[in-house]
Amino acid sequence: MTTDAASVDSDFRQRVVDVMRAILANLLEYSDPITEDMHLMHELGLSSTLGLELLLQLEDRLEILIDVEKMNQDKVSTVGDFATFIAGHSRPA
């Protein structure tokens, strides 16, 4: 991952995780708990279309802009990885 977990604001990262869990549960109609170590595609079944919707909803709810140009899909495979990326590669909208 290009963003070191130690270099991101832990409170903001936790807020991203919480909002992401709620959005994922709604988008995927997933009723079981969503944990940070769950794989977005393999375990949760997140498609590219729903991934884009997730990004848009995260930006809207957190009032941020996410720098998706720096995202490496291979390195943001879990909920936690993605939250760390967003916390390190976003700015206020």
PDB file of N, CA and C in Angstrom:
ATOM      1  N   MET A   1       0.852  -1.171   0.000  1.00  0.00           N
ATOM      2  CA  MET A   1       0.000   0.000   0.000  1.00  0.00           C
ATOM      3  C   MET A   1       0.890   1.224   0.000  1.00  0.00           C
ATOM      4  N   THR A   2       0.514   2.220  -0.759  1.00  0.00           N
ATOM      5  CA  THR A   2       1.314   3.421  -0.842  1.00  0.00           C
ATOM      6  C   THR A   2       1.130   4.311   0.374  1.00  0.00           C
ATOM      7  N   THR A   3       0.072   4.141   1.112  1.00  0.00           N
ATOM      8  CA  THR A   3      -0.158   4.916   2.317  1.00  0.00           C
ATOM      9  C   THR A   3       0.113   4.046   3.520  1.00  0.00           C
ATOM     10  N   ASP A   4       1.010   4.508   4.367  1.00  0.00           N
ATOM     11  CA  ASP A   4       1.323   3.790   5.591  1.00  0.00           C
ATOM     12  C   ASP A   4       0.220   4.064   6.602  1.00  0.00           C
ATOM     13  N   ALA A   5      -0.293   3.013   7.221  1.00  0.00           N
ATOM     14  CA  ALA A   5      -1.395   3.155   8.178  1.00  0.00           C
ATOM     15  C   ALA A   5      -1.034   4.101   9.321  1.00  0.00           C
ATOM     16  N   ALA A   6       0.255   4.163   9.675  1.00  0.00           N
ATOM     17  CA  ALA A   6       0.681   5.032  10.761  1.00  0.00           C
ATOM     18  C   ALA A   6       0.625   6.506  10.373  1.00  0.00           C
ATOM     19  N   SER A   7       0.579   6.810   9.084  1.00  0.00           N
ATOM     20  CA  SER A   7       0.611   8.201   8.638  1.00  0.00           C
ATOM     21  C   SER A   7      -0.783   8.809   8.447  1.00  0.00           C
ATOM     22  N   VAL A   8      -1.838   8.047   8.682  1.00  0.00           N
ATOM     23  CA  VAL A   8      -3.185   8.584   8.505  1.00  0.00           C
ATOM     24  C   VAL A   8      -3.812   8.909   9.861  1.00  0.00           C
ATOM     25  N   ASP A   9      -4.766   9.809   9.838  1.00  0.00           N
ATOM     26  CA  ASP A   9      -5.499  10.200  11.040  1.00  0.00           C
ATOM     27  C   ASP A   9      -6.387   9.032  11.457  1.00  0.00           C
ATOM     28  N   SER A  10      -6.106   8.449  12.606  1.00  0.00           N
ATOM     29  CA  SER A  10      -6.823   7.234  13.029  1.00  0.00           C
ATOM     30  C   SER A  10      -8.307   7.498  13.294  1.00  0.00           C
ATOM     31  N   ASP A  11      -8.649   8.680  13.790  1.00  0.00           N
ATOM     32  CA  ASP A  11     -10.068   8.993  14.026  1.00  0.00           C
ATOM     33  C   ASP A  11     -10.825   9.104  12.709  1.00  0.00           C
ATOM     34  N   PHE A  12     -10.212   9.775  11.737  1.00  0.00           N
ATOM     35  CA  PHE A  12     -10.860   9.898  10.427  1.00  0.00           C
ATOM     36  C   PHE A  12     -10.959   8.531   9.765  1.00  0.00           C
ATOM     37  N   ARG A  13      -9.897   7.726   9.863  1.00  0.00           N
ATOM     38  CA  ARG A  13      -9.915   6.385   9.278  1.00  0.00           C
ATOM     39  C   ARG A  13     -11.055   5.565   9.871  1.00  0.00           C
ATOM     40  N   GLN A  14     -11.259   5.652  11.186  1.00  0.00           N
ATOM     41  CA  GLN A  14     -12.340   4.901  11.828  1.00  0.00           C
ATOM     42  C   GLN A  14     -13.697   5.397  11.339  1.00  0.00           C
ATOM     43  N   ARG A  15     -13.813   6.697  11.125  1.00  0.00           N
ATOM     44  CA  ARG A  15     -15.061   7.243  10.584  1.00  0.00           C
ATOM     45  C   ARG A  15     -15.308   6.696   9.180  1.00  0.00           C
ATOM     46  N   VAL A  16     -14.245   6.604   8.377  1.00  0.00           N
ATOM     47  CA  VAL A  16     -14.370   6.034   7.031  1.00  0.00           C
ATOM     48  C   VAL A  16     -14.850   4.587   7.132  1.00  0.00           C
ATOM     49  N   VAL A  17     -14.256   3.804   8.030  1.00  0.00           N
ATOM     50  CA  VAL A  17     -14.656   2.405   8.210  1.00  0.00           C
ATOM     51  C   VAL A  17     -16.127   2.313   8.578  1.00  0.00           C
ATOM     52  N   ASP A  18     -16.554   3.107   9.523  1.00  0.00           N
ATOM     53  CA  ASP A  18     -17.949   3.059   9.983  1.00  0.00           C
ATOM     54  C   ASP A  18     -18.927   3.407   8.859  1.00  0.00           C
ATOM     55  N   VAL A  19     -18.623   4.464   8.122  1.00  0.00           N
ATOM     56  CA  VAL A  19     -19.497   4.874   7.019  1.00  0.00           C
ATOM     57  C   VAL A  19     -19.458   3.825   5.913  1.00  0.00           C
ATOM     58  N   MET A  20     -18.271   3.295   5.630  1.00  0.00           N
ATOM     59  CA  MET A  20     -18.139   2.279   4.588  1.00  0.00           C
ATOM     60  C   MET A  20     -18.948   1.030   4.929  1.00  0.00           C
ATOM     61  N   ARG A  21     -18.909   0.602   6.179  1.00  0.00           N
ATOM     62  CA  ARG A  21     -19.697  -0.568   6.599  1.00  0.00           C
ATOM     63  C   ARG A  21     -21.186  -0.348   6.349  1.00  0.00           C
ATOM     64  N   ALA A  22     -21.672   0.830   6.711  1.00  0.00           N
ATOM     65  CA  ALA A  22     -23.094   1.129   6.526  1.00  0.00           C
ATOM     66  C   ALA A  22     -23.461   1.154   5.041  1.00  0.00           C
ATOM     67  N   ILE A  23     -22.622   1.776   4.237  1.00  0.00           N
ATOM     68  CA  ILE A  23     -22.897   1.850   2.796  1.00  0.00           C
ATOM     69  C   ILE A  23     -22.863   0.458   2.179  1.00  0.00           C
ATOM     70  N   LEU A  24     -21.833  -0.322   2.508  1.00  0.00           N
ATOM     71  CA  LEU A  24     -21.720  -1.674   1.957  1.00  0.00           C
ATOM     72  C   LEU A  24     -22.916  -2.539   2.341  1.00  0.00           C
ATOM     73  N   ALA A  25     -23.320  -2.469   3.598  1.00  0.00           N
ATOM     74  CA  ALA A  25     -24.466  -3.266   4.048  1.00  0.00           C
ATOM     75  C   ALA A  25     -25.708  -2.919   3.233  1.00  0.00           C
ATOM     76  N   ASN A  26     -25.881  -1.634   2.944  1.00  0.00           N
ATOM     77  CA  ASN A  26     -27.034  -1.185   2.168  1.00  0.00           C
ATOM     78  C   ASN A  26     -26.903  -1.579   0.695  1.00  0.00           C
ATOM     79  N   LEU A  27     -25.765  -1.288   0.082  1.00  0.00           N
ATOM     80  CA  LEU A  27     -25.566  -1.581  -1.345  1.00  0.00           C
ATOM     81  C   LEU A  27     -25.662  -3.069  -1.651  1.00  0.00           C
ATOM     82  N   LEU A  28     -25.075  -3.879  -0.756  1.00  0.00           N
ATOM     83  CA  LEU A  28     -24.992  -5.317  -1.005  1.00  0.00           C
ATOM     84  C   LEU A  28     -26.110  -6.102  -0.337  1.00  0.00           C
ATOM     85  N   GLU A  29     -26.987  -5.381   0.394  1.00  0.00           N
ATOM     86  CA  GLU A  29     -28.043  -6.038   1.167  1.00  0.00           C
ATOM     87  C   GLU A  29     -27.444  -7.136   2.038  1.00  0.00           C
ATOM     88  N   TYR A  30     -26.406  -6.756   2.762  1.00  0.00           N
ATOM     89  CA  TYR A  30     -25.618  -7.677   3.576  1.00  0.00           C
ATOM     90  C   TYR A  30     -25.998  -7.484   5.030  1.00  0.00           C
ATOM     91  N   SER A  31     -26.478  -8.520   5.680  1.00  0.00           N
ATOM     92  CA  SER A  31     -26.964  -8.376   7.049  1.00  0.00           C
ATOM     93  C   SER A  31     -25.957  -8.809   8.115  1.00  0.00           C
ATOM     94  N   ASP A  32     -24.948  -9.596   7.748  1.00  0.00           N
ATOM     95  CA  ASP A  32     -23.929 -10.014   8.708  1.00  0.00           C
ATOM     96  C   ASP A  32     -22.963  -8.864   8.972  1.00  0.00           C
ATOM     97  N   PRO A  33     -22.253  -8.908  10.106  1.00  0.00           N
ATOM     98  CA  PRO A  33     -21.276  -7.854  10.387  1.00  0.00           C
ATOM     99  C   PRO A  33     -20.185  -7.805   9.304  1.00  0.00           C
ATOM    100  N   ILE A  34     -19.810  -6.609   8.925  1.00  0.00           N
ATOM    101  CA  ILE A  34     -18.737  -6.407   7.956  1.00  0.00           C
ATOM    102  C   ILE A  34     -17.498  -5.995   8.740  1.00  0.00           C
ATOM    103  N   THR A  35     -16.426  -6.764   8.579  1.00  0.00           N
ATOM    104  CA  THR A  35     -15.193  -6.498   9.317  1.00  0.00           C
ATOM    105  C   THR A  35     -14.129  -5.921   8.391  1.00  0.00           C
ATOM    106  N   GLU A  36     -13.110  -5.323   8.981  1.00  0.00           N
ATOM    107  CA  GLU A  36     -12.049  -4.685   8.211  1.00  0.00           C
ATOM    108  C   GLU A  36     -11.237  -5.669   7.382  1.00  0.00           C
ATOM    109  N   ASP A  37     -11.185  -6.922   7.783  1.00  0.00           N
ATOM    110  CA  ASP A  37     -10.365  -7.884   7.043  1.00  0.00           C
ATOM    111  C   ASP A  37     -11.125  -8.594   5.921  1.00  0.00           C
ATOM    112  N   MET A  38     -12.385  -8.227   5.711  1.00  0.00           N
ATOM    113  CA  MET A  38     -13.173  -8.852   4.648  1.00  0.00           C
ATOM    114  C   MET A  38     -12.746  -8.308   3.285  1.00  0.00           C
ATOM    115  N   HIS A  39     -12.612  -9.221   2.325  1.00  0.00           N
ATOM    116  CA  HIS A  39     -12.260  -8.837   0.957  1.00  0.00           C
ATOM    117  C   HIS A  39     -13.483  -8.278   0.256  1.00  0.00           C
ATOM    118  N   LEU A  40     -13.304  -7.112  -0.324  1.00  0.00           N
ATOM    119  CA  LEU A  40     -14.420  -6.417  -0.962  1.00  0.00           C
ATOM    120  C   LEU A  40     -15.036  -7.222  -2.099  1.00  0.00           C
ATOM    121  N   MET A  41     -14.205  -7.784  -2.960  1.00  0.00           N
ATOM    122  CA  MET A  41     -14.731  -8.508  -4.113  1.00  0.00           C
ATOM    123  C   MET A  41     -14.999  -9.974  -3.798  1.00  0.00           C
ATOM    124  N   HIS A  42     -14.024 -10.647  -3.197  1.00  0.00           N
ATOM    125  CA  HIS A  42     -14.129 -12.090  -3.011  1.00  0.00           C
ATOM    126  C   HIS A  42     -15.139 -12.494  -1.943  1.00  0.00           C
ATOM    127  N   GLU A  43     -15.173 -11.776  -0.836  1.00  0.00           N
ATOM    128  CA  GLU A  43     -16.096 -12.140   0.244  1.00  0.00           C
ATOM    129  C   GLU A  43     -17.424 -11.399   0.173  1.00  0.00           C
ATOM    130  N   LEU A  44     -17.353 -10.114  -0.156  1.00  0.00           N
ATOM    131  CA  LEU A  44     -18.574  -9.311  -0.161  1.00  0.00           C
ATOM    132  C   LEU A  44     -19.241  -9.253  -1.528  1.00  0.00           C
ATOM    133  N   GLY A  45     -18.517  -9.624  -2.562  1.00  0.00           N
ATOM    134  CA  GLY A  45     -19.093  -9.633  -3.901  1.00  0.00           C
ATOM    135  C   GLY A  45     -19.269  -8.254  -4.507  1.00  0.00           C
ATOM    136  N   LEU A  46     -18.415  -7.307  -4.122  1.00  0.00           N
ATOM    137  CA  LEU A  46     -18.505  -5.952  -4.645  1.00  0.00           C
ATOM    138  C   LEU A  46     -18.074  -5.931  -6.108  1.00  0.00           C
ATOM    139  N   SER A  47     -18.955  -5.495  -6.985  1.00  0.00           N
ATOM    140  CA  SER A  47     -18.646  -5.384  -8.412  1.00  0.00           C
ATOM    141  C   SER A  47     -18.017  -4.020  -8.688  1.00  0.00           C
ATOM    142  N   SER A  48     -17.501  -3.840  -9.886  1.00  0.00           N
ATOM    143  CA  SER A  48     -16.911  -2.547 -10.239  1.00  0.00           C
ATOM    144  C   SER A  48     -17.962  -1.443 -10.220  1.00  0.00           C
ATOM    145  N   THR A  49     -19.164  -1.755 -10.645  1.00  0.00           N
ATOM    146  CA  THR A  49     -20.241  -0.761 -10.640  1.00  0.00           C
ATOM    147  C   THR A  49     -20.594  -0.355  -9.214  1.00  0.00           C
ATOM    148  N   LEU A  50     -20.721  -1.332  -8.333  1.00  0.00           N
ATOM    149  CA  LEU A  50     -21.028  -1.017  -6.933  1.00  0.00           C
ATOM    150  C   LEU A  50     -19.834  -0.365  -6.249  1.00  0.00           C
ATOM    151  N   GLY A  51     -18.621  -0.693  -6.695  1.00  0.00           N
ATOM    152  CA  GLY A  51     -17.427  -0.043  -6.155  1.00  0.00           C
ATOM    153  C   GLY A  51     -17.442   1.450  -6.450  1.00  0.00           C
ATOM    154  N   LEU A  52     -17.859   1.808  -7.653  1.00  0.00           N
ATOM    155  CA  LEU A  52     -17.971   3.219  -8.013  1.00  0.00           C
ATOM    156  C   LEU A  52     -19.050   3.889  -7.171  1.00  0.00           C
ATOM    157  N   GLU A  53     -20.160   3.216  -6.984  1.00  0.00           N
ATOM    158  CA  GLU A  53     -21.235   3.765  -6.144  1.00  0.00           C
ATOM    159  C   GLU A  53     -20.741   3.944  -4.706  1.00  0.00           C
ATOM    160  N   LEU A  54     -19.949   2.993  -4.203  1.00  0.00           N
ATOM    161  CA  LEU A  54     -19.371   3.099  -2.866  1.00  0.00           C
ATOM    162  C   LEU A  54     -18.511   4.358  -2.767  1.00  0.00           C
ATOM    163  N   LEU A  55     -17.638   4.570  -3.748  1.00  0.00           N
ATOM    164  CA  LEU A  55     -16.782   5.759  -3.758  1.00  0.00           C
ATOM    165  C   LEU A  55     -17.610   7.043  -3.743  1.00  0.00           C
ATOM    166  N   LEU A  56     -18.616   7.097  -4.589  1.00  0.00           N
ATOM    167  CA  LEU A  56     -19.447   8.295  -4.674  1.00  0.00           C
ATOM    168  C   LEU A  56     -20.185   8.564  -3.367  1.00  0.00           C
ATOM    169  N   GLN A  57     -20.718   7.512  -2.764  1.00  0.00           N
ATOM    170  CA  GLN A  57     -21.434   7.694  -1.497  1.00  0.00           C
ATOM    171  C   GLN A  57     -20.487   8.079  -0.367  1.00  0.00           C
ATOM    172  N   LEU A  58     -19.272   7.505  -0.370  1.00  0.00           N
ATOM    173  CA  LEU A  58     -18.284   7.885   0.647  1.00  0.00           C
ATOM    174  C   LEU A  58     -17.941   9.372   0.516  1.00  0.00           C
ATOM    175  N   GLU A  59     -17.709   9.821  -0.707  1.00  0.00           N
ATOM    176  CA  GLU A  59     -17.399  11.233  -0.922  1.00  0.00           C
ATOM    177  C   GLU A  59     -18.546  12.107  -0.439  1.00  0.00           C
ATOM    178  N   ASP A  60     -19.766  11.709  -0.745  1.00  0.00           N
ATOM    179  CA  ASP A  60     -20.933  12.494  -0.365  1.00  0.00           C
ATOM    180  C   ASP A  60     -21.122  12.530   1.148  1.00  0.00           C
ATOM    181  N   ARG A  61     -21.110  11.384   1.773  1.00  0.00           N
ATOM    182  CA  ARG A  61     -21.386  11.316   3.220  1.00  0.00           C
ATOM    183  C   ARG A  61     -20.263  11.902   4.070  1.00  0.00           C
ATOM    184  N   LEU A  62     -19.015  11.737   3.620  1.00  0.00           N
ATOM    185  CA  LEU A  62     -17.879  12.250   4.391  1.00  0.00           C
ATOM    186  C   LEU A  62     -17.469  13.658   3.952  1.00  0.00           C
ATOM    187  N   GLU A  63     -18.115  14.162   2.880  1.00  0.00           N
ATOM    188  CA  GLU A  63     -17.821  15.481   2.328  1.00  0.00           C
ATOM    189  C   GLU A  63     -16.338  15.619   1.989  1.00  0.00           C
ATOM    190  N   ILE A  64     -15.855  14.643   1.197  1.00  0.00           N
ATOM    191  CA  ILE A  64     -14.455  14.603   0.791  1.00  0.00           C
ATOM    192  C   ILE A  64     -14.362  14.352  -0.716  1.00  0.00           C
ATOM    193  N   LEU A  65     -13.178  14.542  -1.239  1.00  0.00           N
ATOM    194  CA  LEU A  65     -12.836  14.154  -2.603  1.00  0.00           C
ATOM    195  C   LEU A  65     -11.728  13.120  -2.482  1.00  0.00           C
ATOM    196  N   ILE A  66     -11.897  11.965  -3.108  1.00  0.00           N
ATOM    197  CA  ILE A  66     -10.935  10.873  -3.031  1.00  0.00           C
ATOM    198  C   ILE A  66     -10.076  10.884  -4.286  1.00  0.00           C
ATOM    199  N   ASP A  67      -8.766  10.822  -4.115  1.00  0.00           N
ATOM    200  CA  ASP A  67      -7.833  10.805  -5.236  1.00  0.00           C
ATOM    201  C   ASP A  67      -7.717   9.379  -5.774  1.00  0.00           C
ATOM    202  N   VAL A  68      -8.654   8.997  -6.642  1.00  0.00           N
ATOM    203  CA  VAL A  68      -8.700   7.629  -7.157  1.00  0.00           C
ATOM    204  C   VAL A  68      -7.566   7.327  -8.128  1.00  0.00           C
ATOM    205  N   GLU A  69      -6.917   8.366  -8.650  1.00  0.00           N
ATOM    206  CA  GLU A  69      -5.798   8.158  -9.577  1.00  0.00           C
ATOM    207  C   GLU A  69      -4.647   7.397  -8.914  1.00  0.00           C
ATOM    208  N   LYS A  70      -4.528   7.502  -7.609  1.00  0.00           N
ATOM    209  CA  LYS A  70      -3.438   6.851  -6.879  1.00  0.00           C
ATOM    210  C   LYS A  70      -3.817   5.474  -6.343  1.00  0.00           C
ATOM    211  N   MET A  71      -5.036   5.043  -6.603  1.00  0.00           N
ATOM    212  CA  MET A  71      -5.508   3.769  -6.066  1.00  0.00           C
ATOM    213  C   MET A  71      -4.976   2.599  -6.886  1.00  0.00           C
ATOM    214  N   ASN A  72      -4.455   1.605  -6.188  1.00  0.00           N
ATOM    215  CA  ASN A  72      -4.010   0.358  -6.797  1.00  0.00           C
ATOM    216  C   ASN A  72      -4.968  -0.718  -6.303  1.00  0.00           C
ATOM    217  N   GLN A  73      -5.844  -1.184  -7.174  1.00  0.00           N
ATOM    218  CA  GLN A  73      -6.891  -2.126  -6.790  1.00  0.00           C
ATOM    219  C   GLN A  73      -6.332  -3.380  -6.122  1.00  0.00           C
ATOM    220  N   ASP A  74      -5.137  -3.808  -6.526  1.00  0.00           N
ATOM    221  CA  ASP A  74      -4.537  -5.003  -5.933  1.00  0.00           C
ATOM    222  C   ASP A  74      -4.153  -4.786  -4.473  1.00  0.00           C
ATOM    223  N   LYS A  75      -3.945  -3.536  -4.078  1.00  0.00           N
ATOM    224  CA  LYS A  75      -3.505  -3.258  -2.718  1.00  0.00           C
ATOM    225  C   LYS A  75      -4.614  -2.718  -1.821  1.00  0.00           C
ATOM    226  N   VAL A  76      -5.798  -2.578  -2.343  1.00  0.00           N
ATOM    227  CA  VAL A  76      -6.942  -2.147  -1.525  1.00  0.00           C
ATOM    228  C   VAL A  76      -8.038  -3.197  -1.622  1.00  0.00           C
ATOM    229  N   SER A  77      -7.684  -4.404  -1.295  1.00  0.00           N
ATOM    230  CA  SER A  77      -8.622  -5.511  -1.469  1.00  0.00           C
ATOM    231  C   SER A  77      -9.570  -5.712  -0.290  1.00  0.00           C
ATOM    232  N   THR A  78      -9.206  -5.232   0.896  1.00  0.00           N
ATOM    233  CA  THR A  78     -10.073  -5.413   2.059  1.00  0.00           C
ATOM    234  C   THR A  78     -10.715  -4.093   2.471  1.00  0.00           C
ATOM    235  N   VAL A  79     -11.716  -4.191   3.308  1.00  0.00           N
ATOM    236  CA  VAL A  79     -12.385  -3.006   3.840  1.00  0.00           C
ATOM    237  C   VAL A  79     -11.363  -2.115   4.553  1.00  0.00           C
ATOM    238  N   GLY A  80     -10.508  -2.711   5.361  1.00  0.00           N
ATOM    239  CA  GLY A  80      -9.500  -1.949   6.098  1.00  0.00           C
ATOM    240  C   GLY A  80      -8.479  -1.288   5.190  1.00  0.00           C
ATOM    241  N   ASP A  81      -8.006  -2.015   4.179  1.00  0.00           N
ATOM    242  CA  ASP A  81      -7.059  -1.436   3.208  1.00  0.00           C
ATOM    243  C   ASP A  81      -7.674  -0.217   2.530  1.00  0.00           C
ATOM    244  N   PHE A  82      -8.930  -0.369   2.127  1.00  0.00           N
ATOM    245  CA  PHE A  82      -9.611   0.702   1.418  1.00  0.00           C
ATOM    246  C   PHE A  82      -9.798   1.920   2.319  1.00  0.00           C
ATOM    247  N   ALA A  83     -10.142   1.691   3.585  1.00  0.00           N
ATOM    248  CA  ALA A  83     -10.308   2.791   4.535  1.00  0.00           C
ATOM    249  C   ALA A  83      -8.989   3.527   4.743  1.00  0.00           C
ATOM    250  N   THR A  84      -7.897   2.785   4.839  1.00  0.00           N
ATOM    251  CA  THR A  84      -6.577   3.405   5.001  1.00  0.00           C
ATOM    252  C   THR A  84      -6.229   4.237   3.772  1.00  0.00           C
ATOM    253  N   PHE A  85      -6.509   3.690   2.585  1.00  0.00           N
ATOM    254  CA  PHE A  85      -6.250   4.437   1.356  1.00  0.00           C
ATOM    255  C   PHE A  85      -7.038   5.739   1.350  1.00  0.00           C
ATOM    256  N   ILE A  86      -8.328   5.666   1.646  1.00  0.00           N
ATOM    257  CA  ILE A  86      -9.186   6.852   1.609  1.00  0.00           C
ATOM    258  C   ILE A  86      -8.724   7.886   2.635  1.00  0.00           C
ATOM    259  N   ALA A  87      -8.389   7.435   3.835  1.00  0.00           N
ATOM    260  CA  ALA A  87      -7.934   8.358   4.875  1.00  0.00           C
ATOM    261  C   ALA A  87      -6.645   9.062   4.461  1.00  0.00           C
ATOM    262  N   GLY A  88      -5.815   8.404   3.664  1.00  0.00           N
ATOM    263  CA  GLY A  88      -4.552   8.995   3.242  1.00  0.00           C
ATOM    264  C   GLY A  88      -4.583   9.690   1.903  1.00  0.00           C
ATOM    265  N   HIS A  89      -5.659   9.500   1.134  1.00  0.00           N
ATOM    266  CA  HIS A  89      -5.734  10.070  -0.215  1.00  0.00           C
ATOM    267  C   HIS A  89      -7.049  10.794  -0.464  1.00  0.00           C
ATOM    268  N   SER A  90      -7.439  11.623   0.480  1.00  0.00           N
ATOM    269  CA  SER A  90      -8.668  12.412   0.300  1.00  0.00           C
ATOM    270  C   SER A  90      -8.439  13.794   0.880  1.00  0.00           C
ATOM    271  N   ARG A  91      -9.321  14.697   0.478  1.00  0.00           N
ATOM    272  CA  ARG A  91      -9.266  16.061   0.998  1.00  0.00           C
ATOM    273  C   ARG A  91     -10.707  16.560   1.134  1.00  0.00           C
ATOM    274  N   PRO A  92     -10.912  17.577   1.945  1.00  0.00           N
ATOM    275  CA  PRO A  92     -12.269  18.100   2.097  1.00  0.00           C
ATOM    276  C   PRO A  92     -12.835  18.580   0.760  1.00  0.00           C
ATOM    277  N   ALA A  93     -14.109  18.370   0.577  1.00  0.00           N
ATOM    278  CA  ALA A  93     -14.765  18.787  -0.685  1.00  0.00           C
ATOM    279  C   ALA A  93     -15.036  20.275  -0.665  1.00  0.00           C
TER     280      ALA A  93
END
